[in-house]
Amino acid sequence: MNNPTNIANVISQLKVIVAECDAKLKQKWPESGISSGIAHSRESDNVSDCLALADQRMYENKKAKQC
């Protein structure tokens, strides 16, 4: 599961699932939303850096939705 193709597929599937959840949430609460950020351990040297990268991506996602 750790090859780049599988990782890309999992990320793609996660994005679809999060988007579906976001759409369902907005049906009941239109002003709400879900923002996510995904990072893989291969992108950083340690857990803390990986979490920081995912957090950064989540905030980028959130900001993009506000525009």
PDB file of N, CA and C in Angstrom:
ATOM      1  N   MET A   1       0.809  -1.204   0.000  1.00  0.00           N
ATOM      2  CA  MET A   1       0.000   0.000   0.000  1.00  0.00           C
ATOM      3  C   MET A   1       0.842   1.253   0.000  1.00  0.00           C
ATOM      4  N   ASN A   2       2.119   1.161   0.222  1.00  0.00           N
ATOM      5  CA  ASN A   2       2.946   2.351   0.304  1.00  0.00           C
ATOM      6  C   ASN A   2       3.567   2.786  -1.009  1.00  0.00           C
ATOM      7  N   ASN A   3       3.130   2.224  -2.131  1.00  0.00           N
ATOM      8  CA  ASN A   3       3.696   2.722  -3.379  1.00  0.00           C
ATOM      9  C   ASN A   3       2.953   3.989  -3.792  1.00  0.00           C
ATOM     10  N   PRO A   4       3.604   4.859  -4.567  1.00  0.00           N
ATOM     11  CA  PRO A   4       3.009   6.154  -4.917  1.00  0.00           C
ATOM     12  C   PRO A   4       1.649   6.068  -5.602  1.00  0.00           C
ATOM     13  N   THR A   5       1.420   5.056  -6.417  1.00  0.00           N
ATOM     14  CA  THR A   5       0.133   4.915  -7.091  1.00  0.00           C
ATOM     15  C   THR A   5      -0.977   4.642  -6.094  1.00  0.00           C
ATOM     16  N   ASN A   6      -0.734   3.734  -5.161  1.00  0.00           N
ATOM     17  CA  ASN A   6      -1.742   3.438  -4.141  1.00  0.00           C
ATOM     18  C   ASN A   6      -1.998   4.637  -3.247  1.00  0.00           C
ATOM     19  N   ILE A   7      -0.947   5.341  -2.887  1.00  0.00           N
ATOM     20  CA  ILE A   7      -1.103   6.531  -2.044  1.00  0.00           C
ATOM     21  C   ILE A   7      -1.967   7.561  -2.766  1.00  0.00           C
ATOM     22  N   ALA A   8      -1.688   7.789  -4.041  1.00  0.00           N
ATOM     23  CA  ALA A   8      -2.475   8.748  -4.819  1.00  0.00           C
ATOM     24  C   ALA A   8      -3.935   8.314  -4.901  1.00  0.00           C
ATOM     25  N   ASN A   9      -4.177   7.024  -5.057  1.00  0.00           N
ATOM     26  CA  ASN A   9      -5.558   6.518  -5.116  1.00  0.00           C
ATOM     27  C   ASN A   9      -6.281   6.720  -3.790  1.00  0.00           C
ATOM     28  N   VAL A  10      -5.607   6.444  -2.700  1.00  0.00           N
ATOM     29  CA  VAL A  10      -6.221   6.627  -1.382  1.00  0.00           C
ATOM     30  C   VAL A  10      -6.534   8.098  -1.149  1.00  0.00           C
ATOM     31  N   ILE A  11      -5.604   8.971  -1.483  1.00  0.00           N
ATOM     32  CA  ILE A  11      -5.830  10.412  -1.319  1.00  0.00           C
ATOM     33  C   ILE A  11      -7.017  10.857  -2.163  1.00  0.00           C
ATOM     34  N   SER A  12      -7.086  10.380  -3.383  1.00  0.00           N
ATOM     35  CA  SER A  12      -8.204  10.720  -4.259  1.00  0.00           C
ATOM     36  C   SER A  12      -9.532  10.258  -3.670  1.00  0.00           C
ATOM     37  N   GLN A  13      -9.566   9.050  -3.157  1.00  0.00           N
ATOM     38  CA  GLN A  13     -10.783   8.524  -2.545  1.00  0.00           C
ATOM     39  C   GLN A  13     -11.167   9.322  -1.296  1.00  0.00           C
ATOM     40  N   LEU A  14     -10.180   9.675  -0.495  1.00  0.00           N
ATOM     41  CA  LEU A  14     -10.463  10.468   0.699  1.00  0.00           C
ATOM     42  C   LEU A  14     -11.048  11.830   0.339  1.00  0.00           C
ATOM     43  N   LYS A  15     -10.516  12.457  -0.702  1.00  0.00           N
ATOM     44  CA  LYS A  15     -11.037  13.755  -1.136  1.00  0.00           C
ATOM     45  C   LYS A  15     -12.494  13.646  -1.569  1.00  0.00           C
ATOM     46  N   VAL A  16     -12.838  12.572  -2.262  1.00  0.00           N
ATOM     47  CA  VAL A  16     -14.224  12.363  -2.691  1.00  0.00           C
ATOM     48  C   VAL A  16     -15.131  12.175  -1.477  1.00  0.00           C
ATOM     49  N   ILE A  17     -14.698  11.373  -0.534  1.00  0.00           N
ATOM     50  CA  ILE A  17     -15.502  11.113   0.675  1.00  0.00           C
ATOM     51  C   ILE A  17     -15.706  12.400   1.475  1.00  0.00           C
ATOM     52  N   VAL A  18     -14.646  13.172   1.650  1.00  0.00           N
ATOM     53  CA  VAL A  18     -14.757  14.431   2.404  1.00  0.00           C
ATOM     54  C   VAL A  18     -15.690  15.397   1.671  1.00  0.00           C
ATOM     55  N   ALA A  19     -15.589  15.473   0.351  1.00  0.00           N
ATOM     56  CA  ALA A  19     -16.471  16.356  -0.422  1.00  0.00           C
ATOM     57  C   ALA A  19     -17.936  15.926  -0.291  1.00  0.00           C
ATOM     58  N   GLU A  20     -18.187  14.630  -0.302  1.00  0.00           N
ATOM     59  CA  GLU A  20     -19.551  14.127  -0.130  1.00  0.00           C
ATOM     60  C   GLU A  20     -20.083  14.474   1.265  1.00  0.00           C
ATOM     61  N   CYS A  21     -19.261  14.307   2.270  1.00  0.00           N
ATOM     62  CA  CYS A  21     -19.670  14.644   3.640  1.00  0.00           C
ATOM     63  C   CYS A  21     -19.941  16.136   3.757  1.00  0.00           C
ATOM     64  N   ASP A  22     -19.094  16.948   3.135  1.00  0.00           N
ATOM     65  CA  ASP A  22     -19.259  18.394   3.159  1.00  0.00           C
ATOM     66  C   ASP A  22     -20.589  18.783   2.513  1.00  0.00           C
ATOM     67  N   ALA A  23     -20.911  18.180   1.378  1.00  0.00           N
ATOM     68  CA  ALA A  23     -22.168  18.486   0.690  1.00  0.00           C
ATOM     69  C   ALA A  23     -23.374  18.099   1.543  1.00  0.00           C
ATOM     70  N   LYS A  24     -23.321  16.944   2.184  1.00  0.00           N
ATOM     71  CA  LYS A  24     -24.430  16.507   3.046  1.00  0.00           C
ATOM     72  C   LYS A  24     -24.569  17.425   4.258  1.00  0.00           C
ATOM     73  N   LEU A  25     -23.460  17.827   4.821  1.00  0.00           N
ATOM     74  CA  LEU A  25     -23.487  18.730   5.974  1.00  0.00           C
ATOM     75  C   LEU A  25     -24.119  20.066   5.599  1.00  0.00           C
ATOM     76  N   LYS A  26     -23.771  20.578   4.427  1.00  0.00           N
ATOM     77  CA  LYS A  26     -24.301  21.867   3.968  1.00  0.00           C
ATOM     78  C   LYS A  26     -25.801  21.810   3.686  1.00  0.00           C
ATOM     79  N   GLN A  27     -26.329  20.628   3.416  1.00  0.00           N
ATOM     80  CA  GLN A  27     -27.773  20.515   3.213  1.00  0.00           C
ATOM     81  C   GLN A  27     -28.523  20.889   4.484  1.00  0.00           C
ATOM     82  N   LYS A  28     -27.989  20.493   5.621  1.00  0.00           N
ATOM     83  CA  LYS A  28     -28.648  20.784   6.891  1.00  0.00           C
ATOM     84  C   LYS A  28     -28.186  22.112   7.476  1.00  0.00           C
ATOM     85  N   TRP A  29     -26.895  22.378   7.368  1.00  0.00           N
ATOM     86  CA  TRP A  29     -26.317  23.605   7.901  1.00  0.00           C
ATOM     87  C   TRP A  29     -25.518  24.295   6.795  1.00  0.00           C
ATOM     88  N   PRO A  30     -26.178  25.122   5.970  1.00  0.00           N
ATOM     89  CA  PRO A  30     -25.532  25.704   4.787  1.00  0.00           C
ATOM     90  C   PRO A  30     -24.268  26.527   5.073  1.00  0.00           C
ATOM     91  N   GLU A  31     -24.165  27.078   6.258  1.00  0.00           N
ATOM     92  CA  GLU A  31     -23.011  27.928   6.561  1.00  0.00           C
ATOM     93  C   GLU A  31     -21.826  27.144   7.128  1.00  0.00           C
ATOM     94  N   SER A  32     -21.982  25.850   7.259  1.00  0.00           N
ATOM     95  CA  SER A  32     -20.896  25.027   7.797  1.00  0.00           C
ATOM     96  C   SER A  32     -20.075  24.436   6.664  1.00  0.00           C
ATOM     97  N   GLY A  33     -19.039  23.719   7.031  1.00  0.00           N
ATOM     98  CA  GLY A  33     -18.226  23.079   6.012  1.00  0.00           C
ATOM     99  C   GLY A  33     -17.120  22.244   6.634  1.00  0.00           C
ATOM    100  N   ILE A  34     -16.494  21.460   5.807  1.00  0.00           N
ATOM    101  CA  ILE A  34     -15.389  20.603   6.231  1.00  0.00           C
ATOM    102  C   ILE A  34     -14.158  20.993   5.423  1.00  0.00           C
ATOM    103  N   SER A  35     -13.071  21.215   6.112  1.00  0.00           N
ATOM    104  CA  SER A  35     -11.789  21.448   5.457  1.00  0.00           C
ATOM    105  C   SER A  35     -10.833  20.357   5.918  1.00  0.00           C
ATOM    106  N   SER A  36     -10.025  19.883   4.987  1.00  0.00           N
ATOM    107  CA  SER A  36      -9.110  18.804   5.342  1.00  0.00           C
ATOM    108  C   SER A  36      -7.735  19.073   4.753  1.00  0.00           C
ATOM    109  N   GLY A  37      -6.769  18.413   5.327  1.00  0.00           N
ATOM    110  CA  GLY A  37      -5.410  18.469   4.816  1.00  0.00           C
ATOM    111  C   GLY A  37      -4.789  17.093   4.939  1.00  0.00           C
ATOM    112  N   ILE A  38      -4.158  16.633   3.896  1.00  0.00           N
ATOM    113  CA  ILE A  38      -3.590  15.294   3.875  1.00  0.00           C
ATOM    114  C   ILE A  38      -2.089  15.388   3.645  1.00  0.00           C
ATOM    115  N   ALA A  39      -1.349  14.634   4.431  1.00  0.00           N
ATOM    116  CA  ALA A  39       0.098  14.531   4.247  1.00  0.00           C
ATOM    117  C   ALA A  39       0.500  13.085   4.481  1.00  0.00           C
ATOM    118  N   HIS A  40       1.510  12.655   3.790  1.00  0.00           N
ATOM    119  CA  HIS A  40       2.012  11.292   3.939  1.00  0.00           C
ATOM    120  C   HIS A  40       3.373  11.341   4.617  1.00  0.00           C
ATOM    121  N   SER A  41       3.682  10.320   5.356  1.00  0.00           N
ATOM    122  CA  SER A  41       4.941  10.277   6.099  1.00  0.00           C
ATOM    123  C   SER A  41       6.172  10.380   5.192  1.00  0.00           C
ATOM    124  N   ARG A  42       6.018  10.026   3.931  1.00  0.00           N
ATOM    125  CA  ARG A  42       7.143  10.150   2.993  1.00  0.00           C
ATOM    126  C   ARG A  42       7.471  11.602   2.657  1.00  0.00           C
ATOM    127  N   GLU A  43       6.574  12.509   3.017  1.00  0.00           N
ATOM    128  CA  GLU A  43       6.771  13.920   2.706  1.00  0.00           C
ATOM    129  C   GLU A  43       7.533  14.671   3.799  1.00  0.00           C
ATOM    130  N   SER A  44       7.830  14.021   4.898  1.00  0.00           N
ATOM    131  CA  SER A  44       8.485  14.714   6.003  1.00  0.00           C
ATOM    132  C   SER A  44       9.417  13.773   6.747  1.00  0.00           C
ATOM    133  N   ASP A  45      10.226  14.361   7.613  1.00  0.00           N
ATOM    134  CA  ASP A  45      11.222  13.576   8.342  1.00  0.00           C
ATOM    135  C   ASP A  45      10.693  12.969   9.637  1.00  0.00           C
ATOM    136  N   ASN A  46       9.618  13.563  10.193  1.00  0.00           N
ATOM    137  CA  ASN A  46       9.092  13.053  11.458  1.00  0.00           C
ATOM    138  C   ASN A  46       7.593  13.310  11.555  1.00  0.00           C
ATOM    139  N   VAL A  47       6.986  12.745  12.565  1.00  0.00           N
ATOM    140  CA  VAL A  47       5.534  12.839  12.739  1.00  0.00           C
ATOM    141  C   VAL A  47       5.095  14.285  12.907  1.00  0.00           C
ATOM    142  N   SER A  48       5.827  15.042  13.681  1.00  0.00           N
ATOM    143  CA  SER A  48       5.463  16.431  13.937  1.00  0.00           C
ATOM    144  C   SER A  48       5.436  17.241  12.640  1.00  0.00           C
ATOM    145  N   ASP A  49       6.443  17.058  11.799  1.00  0.00           N
ATOM    146  CA  ASP A  49       6.479  17.764  10.520  1.00  0.00           C
ATOM    147  C   ASP A  49       5.347  17.309   9.599  1.00  0.00           C
ATOM    148  N   CYS A  50       5.033  16.044   9.635  1.00  0.00           N
ATOM    149  CA  CYS A  50       3.951  15.512   8.814  1.00  0.00           C
ATOM    150  C   CYS A  50       2.607  16.117   9.242  1.00  0.00           C
ATOM    151  N   LEU A  51       2.371  16.171  10.531  1.00  0.00           N
ATOM    152  CA  LEU A  51       1.137  16.780  11.035  1.00  0.00           C
ATOM    153  C   LEU A  51       1.078  18.263  10.708  1.00  0.00           C
ATOM    154  N   ALA A  52       2.215  18.939  10.811  1.00  0.00           N
ATOM    155  CA  ALA A  52       2.262  20.367  10.478  1.00  0.00           C
ATOM    156  C   ALA A  52       1.929  20.582   9.000  1.00  0.00           C
ATOM    157  N   LEU A  53       2.425  19.713   8.137  1.00  0.00           N
ATOM    158  CA  LEU A  53       2.134  19.810   6.713  1.00  0.00           C
ATOM    159  C   LEU A  53       0.647  19.577   6.442  1.00  0.00           C
ATOM    160  N   ALA A  54       0.069  18.572   7.072  1.00  0.00           N
ATOM    161  CA  ALA A  54      -1.364  18.311   6.911  1.00  0.00           C
ATOM    162  C   ALA A  54      -2.178  19.495   7.430  1.00  0.00           C
ATOM    163  N   ASP A  55      -1.767  20.068   8.539  1.00  0.00           N
ATOM    164  CA  ASP A  55      -2.448  21.228   9.109  1.00  0.00           C
ATOM    165  C   ASP A  55      -2.365  22.423   8.161  1.00  0.00           C
ATOM    166  N   GLN A  56      -1.188  22.654   7.598  1.00  0.00           N
ATOM    167  CA  GLN A  56      -1.003  23.743   6.639  1.00  0.00           C
ATOM    168  C   GLN A  56      -1.924  23.560   5.437  1.00  0.00           C
ATOM    169  N   ARG A  57      -2.015  22.351   4.936  1.00  0.00           N
ATOM    170  CA  ARG A  57      -2.878  22.070   3.789  1.00  0.00           C
ATOM    171  C   ARG A  57      -4.353  22.245   4.140  1.00  0.00           C
ATOM    172  N   MET A  58      -4.721  21.905   5.364  1.00  0.00           N
ATOM    173  CA  MET A  58      -6.098  22.088   5.801  1.00  0.00           C
ATOM    174  C   MET A  58      -6.454  23.579   5.797  1.00  0.00           C
ATOM    175  N   TYR A  59      -5.549  24.422   6.311  1.00  0.00           N
ATOM    176  CA  TYR A  59      -5.814  25.857   6.325  1.00  0.00           C
ATOM    177  C   TYR A  59      -5.837  26.432   4.909  1.00  0.00           C
ATOM    178  N   GLU A  60      -5.009  25.929   4.005  1.00  0.00           N
ATOM    179  CA  GLU A  60      -5.038  26.352   2.612  1.00  0.00           C
ATOM    180  C   GLU A  60      -6.393  25.972   1.981  1.00  0.00           C
ATOM    181  N   ASN A  61      -6.872  24.770   2.293  1.00  0.00           N
ATOM    182  CA  ASN A  61      -8.156  24.302   1.798  1.00  0.00           C
ATOM    183  C   ASN A  61      -9.278  25.195   2.315  1.00  0.00           C
ATOM    184  N   LYS A  62      -9.213  25.499   3.579  1.00  0.00           N
ATOM    185  CA  LYS A  62     -10.230  26.353   4.218  1.00  0.00           C
ATOM    186  C   LYS A  62     -10.243  27.747   3.593  1.00  0.00           C
ATOM    187  N   LYS A  63      -9.066  28.308   3.384  1.00  0.00           N
ATOM    188  CA  LYS A  63      -8.964  29.644   2.788  1.00  0.00           C
ATOM    189  C   LYS A  63      -9.481  29.651   1.361  1.00  0.00           C
ATOM    190  N   ALA A  64      -9.193  28.619   0.602  1.00  0.00           N
ATOM    191  CA  ALA A  64      -9.660  28.534  -0.784  1.00  0.00           C
ATOM    192  C   ALA A  64     -11.185  28.487  -0.855  1.00  0.00           C
ATOM    193  N   LYS A  65     -11.816  27.878   0.117  1.00  0.00           N
ATOM    194  CA  LYS A  65     -13.277  27.788   0.138  1.00  0.00           C
ATOM    195  C   LYS A  65     -13.925  29.122   0.466  1.00  0.00           C
ATOM    196  N   GLN A  66     -13.206  30.009   1.142  1.00  0.00           N
ATOM    197  CA  GLN A  66     -13.771  31.287   1.557  1.00  0.00           C
ATOM    198  C   GLN A  66     -13.768  32.316   0.430  1.00  0.00           C
ATOM    199  N   CYS A  67     -12.994  32.066  -0.595  1.00  0.00           N
ATOM    200  CA  CYS A  67     -12.896  33.019  -1.713  1.00  0.00           C
ATOM    201  C   CYS A  67     -14.069  32.913  -2.647  1.00  0.00           C
TER     202      CYS A  67
END
